[in-house]
């Protein structure tokens, strides 16, 4: 399940980022793209913390920060392209699901 879901999510994220990036000549998209890059980095770090370090407590803190970063990215993208913002909504939903799973693993261990 995870492979197909992440493939779809990353495709939607790529299209979303591209929709914002292509508007760079008409509006200041730099803050939105910086947020986009930050949430991508946080996404990577969560995998390292949760799976690599096997630290579900720290992973829960990190995924909470990631959730906020995704939300802020959606708000910033909506100002540039509503489609770009909406394309990130499934990603936020998946991050929410992952946060609940992370919390459950933390609480059960």
PDB file of N, CA and C in Angstrom:
ATOM      1  N   UNK A   1       0.822  -1.197   0.000  1.00  0.00           N
ATOM      2  CA  UNK A   1       0.000   0.000   0.000  1.00  0.00           C
ATOM      3  C   UNK A   1       0.871   1.269   0.000  1.00  0.00           C
ATOM      4  N   UNK A   2       1.958   1.229   0.765  1.00  0.00           N
ATOM      5  CA  UNK A   2       2.772   2.436   0.905  1.00  0.00           C
ATOM      6  C   UNK A   2       3.415   2.864  -0.403  1.00  0.00           C
ATOM      7  N   UNK A   3       3.914   1.916  -1.179  1.00  0.00           N
ATOM      8  CA  UNK A   3       4.579   2.245  -2.449  1.00  0.00           C
ATOM      9  C   UNK A   3       3.681   2.985  -3.418  1.00  0.00           C
ATOM     10  N   UNK A   4       2.497   2.437  -3.736  1.00  0.00           N
ATOM     11  CA  UNK A   4       1.604   3.141  -4.662  1.00  0.00           C
ATOM     12  C   UNK A   4       1.127   4.496  -4.118  1.00  0.00           C
ATOM     13  N   UNK A   5       0.844   4.546  -2.823  1.00  0.00           N
ATOM     14  CA  UNK A   5       0.386   5.814  -2.239  1.00  0.00           C
ATOM     15  C   UNK A   5       1.470   6.876  -2.362  1.00  0.00           C
ATOM     16  N   UNK A   6       2.715   6.532  -1.991  1.00  0.00           N
ATOM     17  CA  UNK A   6       3.793   7.516  -2.069  1.00  0.00           C
ATOM     18  C   UNK A   6       4.090   7.917  -3.507  1.00  0.00           C
ATOM     19  N   UNK A   7       3.935   7.002  -4.436  1.00  0.00           N
ATOM     20  CA  UNK A   7       4.144   7.340  -5.844  1.00  0.00           C
ATOM     21  C   UNK A   7       3.143   8.413  -6.277  1.00  0.00           C
ATOM     22  N   UNK A   8       1.887   8.218  -5.914  1.00  0.00           N
ATOM     23  CA  UNK A   8       0.845   9.202  -6.253  1.00  0.00           C
ATOM     24  C   UNK A   8       1.094  10.518  -5.526  1.00  0.00           C
ATOM     25  N   UNK A   9       1.435  10.431  -4.247  1.00  0.00           N
ATOM     26  CA  UNK A   9       1.667  11.660  -3.472  1.00  0.00           C
ATOM     27  C   UNK A   9       2.842  12.462  -4.025  1.00  0.00           C
ATOM     28  N   UNK A  10       3.949  11.774  -4.331  1.00  0.00           N
ATOM     29  CA  UNK A  10       5.108  12.492  -4.859  1.00  0.00           C
ATOM     30  C   UNK A  10       4.833  13.067  -6.245  1.00  0.00           C
ATOM     31  N   UNK A  11       4.041  12.380  -7.051  1.00  0.00           N
ATOM     32  CA  UNK A  11       3.662  12.931  -8.357  1.00  0.00           C
ATOM     33  C   UNK A  11       2.836  14.197  -8.172  1.00  0.00           C
ATOM     34  N   UNK A  12       1.867  14.162  -7.259  1.00  0.00           N
ATOM     35  CA  UNK A  12       1.045  15.339  -6.990  1.00  0.00           C
ATOM     36  C   UNK A  12       1.891  16.484  -6.426  1.00  0.00           C
ATOM     37  N   UNK A  13       2.844  16.151  -5.556  1.00  0.00           N
ATOM     38  CA  UNK A  13       3.732  17.170  -4.995  1.00  0.00           C
ATOM     39  C   UNK A  13       4.588  17.802  -6.091  1.00  0.00           C
ATOM     40  N   UNK A  14       5.082  16.978  -7.007  1.00  0.00           N
ATOM     41  CA  UNK A  14       5.914  17.493  -8.099  1.00  0.00           C
ATOM     42  C   UNK A  14       5.117  18.435  -8.990  1.00  0.00           C
ATOM     43  N   UNK A  15       3.905  18.041  -9.344  1.00  0.00           N
ATOM     44  CA  UNK A  15       3.061  18.907 -10.180  1.00  0.00           C
ATOM     45  C   UNK A  15       2.734  20.189  -9.427  1.00  0.00           C
ATOM     46  N   UNK A  16       2.436  20.072  -8.152  1.00  0.00           N
ATOM     47  CA  UNK A  16       2.130  21.235  -7.333  1.00  0.00           C
ATOM     48  C   UNK A  16       3.303  22.215  -7.298  1.00  0.00           C
ATOM     49  N   UNK A  17       4.488  21.692  -7.027  1.00  0.00           N
ATOM     50  CA  UNK A  17       5.679  22.544  -7.001  1.00  0.00           C
ATOM     51  C   UNK A  17       5.943  23.183  -8.350  1.00  0.00           C
ATOM     52  N   UNK A  18       5.739  22.426  -9.411  1.00  0.00           N
ATOM     53  CA  UNK A  18       5.945  22.955 -10.765  1.00  0.00           C
ATOM     54  C   UNK A  18       4.949  24.075 -11.070  1.00  0.00           C
ATOM     55  N   UNK A  19       3.689  23.906 -10.667  1.00  0.00           N
ATOM     56  CA  UNK A  19       2.685  24.943 -10.915  1.00  0.00           C
ATOM     57  C   UNK A  19       3.067  26.265 -10.239  1.00  0.00           C
ATOM     58  N   UNK A  20       3.639  26.170  -9.061  1.00  0.00           N
ATOM     59  CA  UNK A  20       4.069  27.384  -8.357  1.00  0.00           C
ATOM     60  C   UNK A  20       5.344  27.931  -8.994  1.00  0.00           C
ATOM     61  N   UNK A  21       6.306  27.061  -9.262  1.00  0.00           N
ATOM     62  CA  UNK A  21       7.587  27.494  -9.832  1.00  0.00           C
ATOM     63  C   UNK A  21       7.395  28.221 -11.164  1.00  0.00           C
ATOM     64  N   UNK A  22       6.479  27.748 -11.994  1.00  0.00           N
ATOM     65  CA  UNK A  22       6.296  28.367 -13.312  1.00  0.00           C
ATOM     66  C   UNK A  22       5.678  29.754 -13.237  1.00  0.00           C
ATOM     67  N   UNK A  23       5.160  30.146 -12.085  1.00  0.00           N
ATOM     68  CA  UNK A  23       4.581  31.482 -11.899  1.00  0.00           C
ATOM     69  C   UNK A  23       5.614  32.488 -11.396  1.00  0.00           C
ATOM     70  N   UNK A  24       6.892  32.079 -11.323  1.00  0.00           N
ATOM     71  CA  UNK A  24       7.930  32.915 -10.712  1.00  0.00           C
ATOM     72  C   UNK A  24       8.119  34.261 -11.393  1.00  0.00           C
ATOM     73  N   UNK A  25       7.813  34.395 -12.658  1.00  0.00           N
ATOM     74  CA  UNK A  25       7.962  35.674 -13.338  1.00  0.00           C
ATOM     75  C   UNK A  25       6.838  36.649 -13.048  1.00  0.00           C
ATOM     76  N   UNK A  26       5.701  36.132 -12.613  1.00  0.00           N
ATOM     77  CA  UNK A  26       4.514  36.974 -12.392  1.00  0.00           C
ATOM     78  C   UNK A  26       4.305  37.362 -10.939  1.00  0.00           C
ATOM     79  N   UNK A  27       4.836  36.573 -10.042  1.00  0.00           N
ATOM     80  CA  UNK A  27       4.630  36.834  -8.614  1.00  0.00           C
ATOM     81  C   UNK A  27       5.834  36.323  -7.831  1.00  0.00           C
ATOM     82  N   UNK A  28       5.964  36.754  -6.593  1.00  0.00           N
ATOM     83  CA  UNK A  28       7.066  36.311  -5.745  1.00  0.00           C
ATOM     84  C   UNK A  28       6.720  34.937  -5.164  1.00  0.00           C
ATOM     85  N   UNK A  29       7.280  33.915  -5.741  1.00  0.00           N
ATOM     86  CA  UNK A  29       6.997  32.547  -5.299  1.00  0.00           C
ATOM     87  C   UNK A  29       8.075  31.997  -4.377  1.00  0.00           C
ATOM     88  N   UNK A  30       9.112  32.772  -4.160  1.00  0.00           N
ATOM     89  CA  UNK A  30      10.234  32.286  -3.347  1.00  0.00           C
ATOM     90  C   UNK A  30       9.813  31.798  -1.958  1.00  0.00           C
ATOM     91  N   UNK A  31       9.019  32.562  -1.188  1.00  0.00           N
ATOM     92  CA  UNK A  31       8.630  32.059   0.144  1.00  0.00           C
ATOM     93  C   UNK A  31       7.882  30.722   0.072  1.00  0.00           C
ATOM     94  N   UNK A  32       7.014  30.585  -0.917  1.00  0.00           N
ATOM     95  CA  UNK A  32       6.264  29.332  -1.062  1.00  0.00           C
ATOM     96  C   UNK A  32       7.200  28.173  -1.404  1.00  0.00           C
ATOM     97  N   UNK A  33       8.155  28.425  -2.275  1.00  0.00           N
ATOM     98  CA  UNK A  33       9.082  27.364  -2.668  1.00  0.00           C
ATOM     99  C   UNK A  33      10.061  27.015  -1.549  1.00  0.00           C
ATOM    100  N   UNK A  34      10.414  27.996  -0.726  1.00  0.00           N
ATOM    101  CA  UNK A  34      11.262  27.710   0.443  1.00  0.00           C
ATOM    102  C   UNK A  34      10.505  26.796   1.414  1.00  0.00           C
ATOM    103  N   UNK A  35       9.236  27.091   1.640  1.00  0.00           N
ATOM    104  CA  UNK A  35       8.419  26.224   2.492  1.00  0.00           C
ATOM    105  C   UNK A  35       8.309  24.819   1.900  1.00  0.00           C
ATOM    106  N   UNK A  36       8.138  24.761   0.591  1.00  0.00           N
ATOM    107  CA  UNK A  36       8.044  23.473  -0.094  1.00  0.00           C
ATOM    108  C   UNK A  36       9.318  22.659   0.127  1.00  0.00           C
ATOM    109  N   UNK A  37      10.458  23.295  -0.032  1.00  0.00           N
ATOM    110  CA  UNK A  37      11.732  22.613   0.195  1.00  0.00           C
ATOM    111  C   UNK A  37      11.896  22.187   1.645  1.00  0.00           C
ATOM    112  N   UNK A  38      11.459  23.031   2.564  1.00  0.00           N
ATOM    113  CA  UNK A  38      11.572  22.711   3.990  1.00  0.00           C
ATOM    114  C   UNK A  38      10.739  21.485   4.343  1.00  0.00           C
ATOM    115  N   UNK A  39       9.521  21.422   3.821  1.00  0.00           N
ATOM    116  CA  UNK A  39       8.683  20.270   4.156  1.00  0.00           C
ATOM    117  C   UNK A  39       9.221  18.995   3.496  1.00  0.00           C
ATOM    118  N   UNK A  40       9.832  19.114   2.324  1.00  0.00           N
ATOM    119  CA  UNK A  40      10.468  17.942   1.710  1.00  0.00           C
ATOM    120  C   UNK A  40      11.613  17.431   2.588  1.00  0.00           C
ATOM    121  N   UNK A  41      12.405  18.358   3.109  1.00  0.00           N
ATOM    122  CA  UNK A  41      13.513  17.992   3.996  1.00  0.00           C
ATOM    123  C   UNK A  41      12.977  17.332   5.268  1.00  0.00           C
ATOM    124  N   UNK A  42      11.939  17.914   5.846  1.00  0.00           N
ATOM    125  CA  UNK A  42      11.349  17.346   7.062  1.00  0.00           C
ATOM    126  C   UNK A  42      10.767  15.960   6.798  1.00  0.00           C
ATOM    127  N   UNK A  43      10.225  15.765   5.612  1.00  0.00           N
ATOM    128  CA  UNK A  43       9.702  14.460   5.226  1.00  0.00           C
ATOM    129  C   UNK A  43      10.832  13.423   5.255  1.00  0.00           C
ATOM    130  N   UNK A  44      11.953  13.776   4.682  1.00  0.00           N
ATOM    131  CA  UNK A  44      13.122  12.894   4.674  1.00  0.00           C
ATOM    132  C   UNK A  44      13.603  12.611   6.097  1.00  0.00           C
ATOM    133  N   UNK A  45      13.682  13.650   6.906  1.00  0.00           N
ATOM    134  CA  UNK A  45      14.188  13.507   8.275  1.00  0.00           C
ATOM    135  C   UNK A  45      13.284  12.604   9.109  1.00  0.00           C
ATOM    136  N   UNK A  46      11.967  12.673   8.894  1.00  0.00           N
ATOM    137  CA  UNK A  46      11.076  11.807   9.666  1.00  0.00           C
ATOM    138  C   UNK A  46      11.419  10.343   9.427  1.00  0.00           C
ATOM    139  N   UNK A  47      11.653   9.978   8.181  1.00  0.00           N
ATOM    140  CA  UNK A  47      12.006   8.583   7.875  1.00  0.00           C
ATOM    141  C   UNK A  47      13.286   8.172   8.584  1.00  0.00           C
ATOM    142  N   UNK A  48      14.259   9.068   8.606  1.00  0.00           N
ATOM    143  CA  UNK A  48      15.529   8.780   9.285  1.00  0.00           C
ATOM    144  C   UNK A  48      15.307   8.605  10.783  1.00  0.00           C
ATOM    145  N   UNK A  49      14.535   9.514  11.374  1.00  0.00           N
ATOM    146  CA  UNK A  49      14.302   9.468  12.824  1.00  0.00           C
ATOM    147  C   UNK A  49      13.465   8.242  13.195  1.00  0.00           C
ATOM    148  N   UNK A  50      12.347   8.055  12.510  1.00  0.00           N
ATOM    149  CA  UNK A  50      11.424   6.984  12.878  1.00  0.00           C
ATOM    150  C   UNK A  50      11.976   5.600  12.547  1.00  0.00           C
ATOM    151  N   UNK A  51      12.416   5.421  11.310  1.00  0.00           N
ATOM    152  CA  UNK A  51      12.880   4.102  10.888  1.00  0.00           C
ATOM    153  C   UNK A  51      14.366   3.883  11.187  1.00  0.00           C
ATOM    154  N   UNK A  52      15.206   4.832  10.813  1.00  0.00           N
ATOM    155  CA  UNK A  52      16.647   4.678  10.973  1.00  0.00           C
ATOM    156  C   UNK A  52      17.087   4.687  12.429  1.00  0.00           C
ATOM    157  N   UNK A  53      16.630   5.668  13.169  1.00  0.00           N
ATOM    158  CA  UNK A  53      17.019   5.794  14.571  1.00  0.00           C
ATOM    159  C   UNK A  53      16.106   4.986  15.494  1.00  0.00           C
ATOM    160  N   UNK A  54      14.985   4.508  14.945  1.00  0.00           N
ATOM    161  CA  UNK A  54      13.995   3.773  15.729  1.00  0.00           C
ATOM    162  C   UNK A  54      13.594   4.558  16.979  1.00  0.00           C
ATOM    163  N   UNK A  55      13.236   5.842  16.737  1.00  0.00           N
ATOM    164  CA  UNK A  55      12.868   6.750  17.823  1.00  0.00           C
ATOM    165  C   UNK A  55      11.462   7.295  17.588  1.00  0.00           C
ATOM    166  N   UNK A  56      10.419   6.522  17.948  1.00  0.00           N
ATOM    167  CA  UNK A  56       9.061   6.979  17.676  1.00  0.00           C
ATOM    168  C   UNK A  56       8.659   8.243  18.439  1.00  0.00           C
ATOM    169  N   UNK A  57       9.226   8.473  19.610  1.00  0.00           N
ATOM    170  CA  UNK A  57       8.910   9.702  20.354  1.00  0.00           C
ATOM    171  C   UNK A  57       9.418  10.925  19.625  1.00  0.00           C
ATOM    172  N   UNK A  58      10.677  10.869  19.232  1.00  0.00           N
ATOM    173  CA  UNK A  58      11.258  11.971  18.467  1.00  0.00           C
ATOM    174  C   UNK A  58      10.589  12.076  17.099  1.00  0.00           C
ATOM    175  N   UNK A  59      10.228  10.922  16.536  1.00  0.00           N
ATOM    176  CA  UNK A  59       9.517  10.916  15.262  1.00  0.00           C
ATOM    177  C   UNK A  59       8.179  11.623  15.363  1.00  0.00           C
ATOM    178  N   UNK A  60       7.497  11.454  16.485  1.00  0.00           N
ATOM    179  CA  UNK A  60       6.207  12.120  16.685  1.00  0.00           C
ATOM    180  C   UNK A  60       6.373  13.636  16.753  1.00  0.00           C
ATOM    181  N   UNK A  61       7.417  14.081  17.416  1.00  0.00           N
ATOM    182  CA  UNK A  61       7.707  15.518  17.458  1.00  0.00           C
ATOM    183  C   UNK A  61       8.019  16.011  16.053  1.00  0.00           C
ATOM    184  N   UNK A  62       8.847  15.263  15.338  1.00  0.00           N
ATOM    185  CA  UNK A  62       9.263  15.676  14.001  1.00  0.00           C
ATOM    186  C   UNK A  62       8.092  15.691  13.028  1.00  0.00           C
ATOM    187  N   UNK A  63       7.230  14.677  13.089  1.00  0.00           N
ATOM    188  CA  UNK A  63       6.100  14.641  12.156  1.00  0.00           C
ATOM    189  C   UNK A  63       5.091  15.745  12.479  1.00  0.00           C
ATOM    190  N   UNK A  64       5.048  16.179  13.726  1.00  0.00           N
ATOM    191  CA  UNK A  64       4.195  17.320  14.082  1.00  0.00           C
ATOM    192  C   UNK A  64       4.704  18.591  13.415  1.00  0.00           C
ATOM    193  N   UNK A  65       6.014  18.760  13.423  1.00  0.00           N
ATOM    194  CA  UNK A  65       6.619  19.910  12.735  1.00  0.00           C
ATOM    195  C   UNK A  65       6.392  19.790  11.232  1.00  0.00           C
ATOM    196  N   UNK A  66       6.537  18.585  10.696  1.00  0.00           N
ATOM    197  CA  UNK A  66       6.274  18.343   9.280  1.00  0.00           C
ATOM    198  C   UNK A  66       4.841  18.699   8.931  1.00  0.00           C
ATOM    199  N   UNK A  67       3.888  18.313   9.765  1.00  0.00           N
ATOM    200  CA  UNK A  67       2.474  18.596   9.518  1.00  0.00           C
ATOM    201  C   UNK A  67       2.239  20.108   9.420  1.00  0.00           C
ATOM    202  N   UNK A  68       2.842  20.850  10.328  1.00  0.00           N
ATOM    203  CA  UNK A  68       2.723  22.312  10.285  1.00  0.00           C
ATOM    204  C   UNK A  68       3.349  22.857   9.002  1.00  0.00           C
ATOM    205  N   UNK A  69       4.511  22.336   8.631  1.00  0.00           N
ATOM    206  CA  UNK A  69       5.191  22.794   7.418  1.00  0.00           C
ATOM    207  C   UNK A  69       4.358  22.511   6.169  1.00  0.00           C
ATOM    208  N   UNK A  70       3.737  21.347   6.105  1.00  0.00           N
ATOM    209  CA  UNK A  70       2.873  21.034   4.964  1.00  0.00           C
ATOM    210  C   UNK A  70       1.693  22.002   4.934  1.00  0.00           C
ATOM    211  N   UNK A  71       1.091  22.245   6.084  1.00  0.00           N
ATOM    212  CA  UNK A  71      -0.050  23.163   6.161  1.00  0.00           C
ATOM    213  C   UNK A  71       0.336  24.566   5.701  1.00  0.00           C
ATOM    214  N   UNK A  72       1.477  25.052   6.160  1.00  0.00           N
ATOM    215  CA  UNK A  72       1.946  26.374   5.745  1.00  0.00           C
ATOM    216  C   UNK A  72       2.248  26.420   4.249  1.00  0.00           C
ATOM    217  N   UNK A  73       2.779  25.321   3.721  1.00  0.00           N
ATOM    218  CA  UNK A  73       3.057  25.240   2.292  1.00  0.00           C
ATOM    219  C   UNK A  73       1.751  25.306   1.502  1.00  0.00           C
ATOM    220  N   UNK A  74       0.740  24.612   1.963  1.00  0.00           N
ATOM    221  CA  UNK A  74      -0.560  24.650   1.290  1.00  0.00           C
ATOM    222  C   UNK A  74      -1.103  26.073   1.263  1.00  0.00           C
ATOM    223  N   UNK A  75      -1.045  26.759   2.384  1.00  0.00           N
ATOM    224  CA  UNK A  75      -1.526  28.146   2.448  1.00  0.00           C
ATOM    225  C   UNK A  75      -0.742  29.024   1.473  1.00  0.00           C
ATOM    226  N   UNK A  76       0.578  28.891   1.472  1.00  0.00           N
ATOM    227  CA  UNK A  76       1.418  29.693   0.572  1.00  0.00           C
ATOM    228  C   UNK A  76       1.144  29.354  -0.893  1.00  0.00           C
ATOM    229  N   UNK A  77       0.991  28.072  -1.204  1.00  0.00           N
ATOM    230  CA  UNK A  77       0.718  27.665  -2.584  1.00  0.00           C
ATOM    231  C   UNK A  77      -0.654  28.152  -3.042  1.00  0.00           C
ATOM    232  N   UNK A  78      -1.647  28.145  -2.156  1.00  0.00           N
ATOM    233  CA  UNK A  78      -2.987  28.616  -2.512  1.00  0.00           C
ATOM    234  C   UNK A  78      -2.967  30.070  -2.982  1.00  0.00           C
ATOM    235  N   UNK A  79      -2.052  30.861  -2.420  1.00  0.00           N
ATOM    236  CA  UNK A  79      -1.935  32.264  -2.826  1.00  0.00           C
ATOM    237  C   UNK A  79      -1.407  32.407  -4.244  1.00  0.00           C
ATOM    238  N   UNK A  80      -0.687  31.407  -4.707  1.00  0.00           N
ATOM    239  CA  UNK A  80      -0.091  31.421  -6.045  1.00  0.00           C
ATOM    240  C   UNK A  80      -0.974  30.654  -7.027  1.00  0.00           C
ATOM    241  N   UNK A  81      -1.417  29.476  -6.625  1.00  0.00           N
ATOM    242  CA  UNK A  81      -2.230  28.612  -7.482  1.00  0.00           C
ATOM    243  C   UNK A  81      -3.100  27.730  -6.600  1.00  0.00           C
ATOM    244  N   UNK A  82      -4.395  27.893  -6.704  1.00  0.00           N
ATOM    245  CA  UNK A  82      -5.310  27.085  -5.896  1.00  0.00           C
ATOM    246  C   UNK A  82      -5.157  25.588  -6.213  1.00  0.00           C
ATOM    247  N   UNK A  83      -4.933  25.283  -7.476  1.00  0.00           N
ATOM    248  CA  UNK A  83      -4.733  23.884  -7.864  1.00  0.00           C
ATOM    249  C   UNK A  83      -3.497  23.321  -7.166  1.00  0.00           C
ATOM    250  N   UNK A  84      -2.422  24.093  -7.148  1.00  0.00           N
ATOM    251  CA  UNK A  84      -1.190  23.646  -6.490  1.00  0.00           C
ATOM    252  C   UNK A  84      -1.434  23.374  -5.006  1.00  0.00           C
ATOM    253  N   UNK A  85      -2.177  24.241  -4.368  1.00  0.00           N
ATOM    254  CA  UNK A  85      -2.491  24.039  -2.959  1.00  0.00           C
ATOM    255  C   UNK A  85      -3.322  22.790  -2.725  1.00  0.00           C
ATOM    256  N   UNK A  86      -4.351  22.600  -3.529  1.00  0.00           N
ATOM    257  CA  UNK A  86      -5.220  21.431  -3.383  1.00  0.00           C
ATOM    258  C   UNK A  86      -4.495  20.133  -3.694  1.00  0.00           C
ATOM    259  N   UNK A  87      -3.511  20.185  -4.577  1.00  0.00           N
ATOM    260  CA  UNK A  87      -2.747  18.971  -4.884  1.00  0.00           C
ATOM    261  C   UNK A  87      -1.972  18.452  -3.671  1.00  0.00           C
ATOM    262  N   UNK A  88      -1.715  19.324  -2.701  1.00  0.00           N
ATOM    263  CA  UNK A  88      -1.000  18.912  -1.490  1.00  0.00           C
ATOM    264  C   UNK A  88      -1.931  18.394  -0.390  1.00  0.00           C
ATOM    265  N   UNK A  89      -3.240  18.539  -0.579  1.00  0.00           N
ATOM    266  CA  UNK A  89      -4.198  18.098   0.447  1.00  0.00           C
ATOM    267  C   UNK A  89      -4.098  16.597   0.746  1.00  0.00           C
ATOM    268  N   UNK A  90      -3.986  15.726  -0.267  1.00  0.00           N
ATOM    269  CA  UNK A  90      -3.834  14.295   0.065  1.00  0.00           C
ATOM    270  C   UNK A  90      -2.549  14.000   0.844  1.00  0.00           C
ATOM    271  N   UNK A  91      -1.512  14.741   0.571  1.00  0.00           N
ATOM    272  CA  UNK A  91      -0.248  14.599   1.302  1.00  0.00           C
ATOM    273  C   UNK A  91      -0.449  14.953   2.773  1.00  0.00           C
ATOM    274  N   UNK A  92      -1.173  16.025   3.037  1.00  0.00           N
ATOM    275  CA  UNK A  92      -1.455  16.408   4.418  1.00  0.00           C
ATOM    276  C   UNK A  92      -2.298  15.336   5.102  1.00  0.00           C
ATOM    277  N   UNK A  93      -3.269  14.793   4.380  1.00  0.00           N
ATOM    278  CA  UNK A  93      -4.095  13.717   4.946  1.00  0.00           C
ATOM    279  C   UNK A  93      -3.236  12.494   5.274  1.00  0.00           C
ATOM    280  N   UNK A  94      -2.326  12.143   4.377  1.00  0.00           N
ATOM    281  CA  UNK A  94      -1.445  10.987   4.613  1.00  0.00           C
ATOM    282  C   UNK A  94      -0.508  11.254   5.793  1.00  0.00           C
ATOM    283  N   UNK A  95       0.005  12.471   5.886  1.00  0.00           N
ATOM    284  CA  UNK A  95       0.877  12.824   7.021  1.00  0.00           C
ATOM    285  C   UNK A  95       0.094  12.755   8.331  1.00  0.00           C
ATOM    286  N   UNK A  96      -1.169  13.122   8.296  1.00  0.00           N
ATOM    287  CA  UNK A  96      -2.020  13.022   9.481  1.00  0.00           C
ATOM    288  C   UNK A  96      -2.182  11.561   9.888  1.00  0.00           C
ATOM    289  N   UNK A  97      -2.460  10.711   8.908  1.00  0.00           N
ATOM    290  CA  UNK A  97      -2.573   9.268   9.152  1.00  0.00           C
ATOM    291  C   UNK A  97      -1.263   8.717   9.724  1.00  0.00           C
ATOM    292  N   UNK A  98      -0.145   9.099   9.120  1.00  0.00           N
ATOM    293  CA  UNK A  98       1.164   8.643   9.594  1.00  0.00           C
ATOM    294  C   UNK A  98       1.435   9.124  11.017  1.00  0.00           C
ATOM    295  N   UNK A  99       1.007  10.334  11.337  1.00  0.00           N
ATOM    296  CA  UNK A  99       1.203  10.868  12.690  1.00  0.00           C
ATOM    297  C   UNK A  99       0.419  10.039  13.712  1.00  0.00           C
ATOM    298  N   UNK A 100      -0.803   9.647  13.352  1.00  0.00           N
ATOM    299  CA  UNK A 100      -1.581   8.802  14.261  1.00  0.00           C
ATOM    300  C   UNK A 100      -0.937   7.431  14.433  1.00  0.00           C
ATOM    301  N   UNK A 101      -0.430   6.863  13.348  1.00  0.00           N
ATOM    302  CA  UNK A 101       0.283   5.589  13.462  1.00  0.00           C
ATOM    303  C   UNK A 101       1.527   5.743  14.330  1.00  0.00           C
ATOM    304  N   UNK A 102       2.265   6.823  14.107  1.00  0.00           N
ATOM    305  CA  UNK A 102       3.473   7.108  14.887  1.00  0.00           C
ATOM    306  C   UNK A 102       3.111   7.242  16.366  1.00  0.00           C
ATOM    307  N   UNK A 103       2.038   7.965  16.656  1.00  0.00           N
ATOM    308  CA  UNK A 103       1.606   8.150  18.043  1.00  0.00           C
ATOM    309  C   UNK A 103       1.221   6.817  18.679  1.00  0.00           C
ATOM    310  N   UNK A 104       0.517   5.985  17.914  1.00  0.00           N
ATOM    311  CA  UNK A 104       0.123   4.684  18.428  1.00  0.00           C
ATOM    312  C   UNK A 104       1.333   3.817  18.761  1.00  0.00           C
ATOM    313  N   UNK A 105       2.308   3.809  17.880  1.00  0.00           N
ATOM    314  CA  UNK A 105       3.522   3.024  18.128  1.00  0.00           C
ATOM    315  C   UNK A 105       4.263   3.564  19.333  1.00  0.00           C
ATOM    316  N   UNK A 106       4.327   4.888  19.450  1.00  0.00           N
ATOM    317  CA  UNK A 106       4.989   5.491  20.608  1.00  0.00           C
ATOM    318  C   UNK A 106       4.285   5.114  21.910  1.00  0.00           C
ATOM    319  N   UNK A 107       2.976   5.208  21.916  1.00  0.00           N
ATOM    320  CA  UNK A 107       2.219   4.931  23.140  1.00  0.00           C
ATOM    321  C   UNK A 107       2.223   3.453  23.524  1.00  0.00           C
ATOM    322  N   UNK A 108       2.307   2.580  22.527  1.00  0.00           N
ATOM    323  CA  UNK A 108       2.305   1.139  22.810  1.00  0.00           C
ATOM    324  C   UNK A 108       3.676   0.596  23.199  1.00  0.00           C
ATOM    325  N   UNK A 109       4.698   1.410  23.021  1.00  0.00           N
ATOM    326  CA  UNK A 109       6.052   0.937  23.346  1.00  0.00           C
ATOM    327  C   UNK A 109       6.539   1.643  24.543  1.00  0.00           C
TER     328      UNK A 109
END
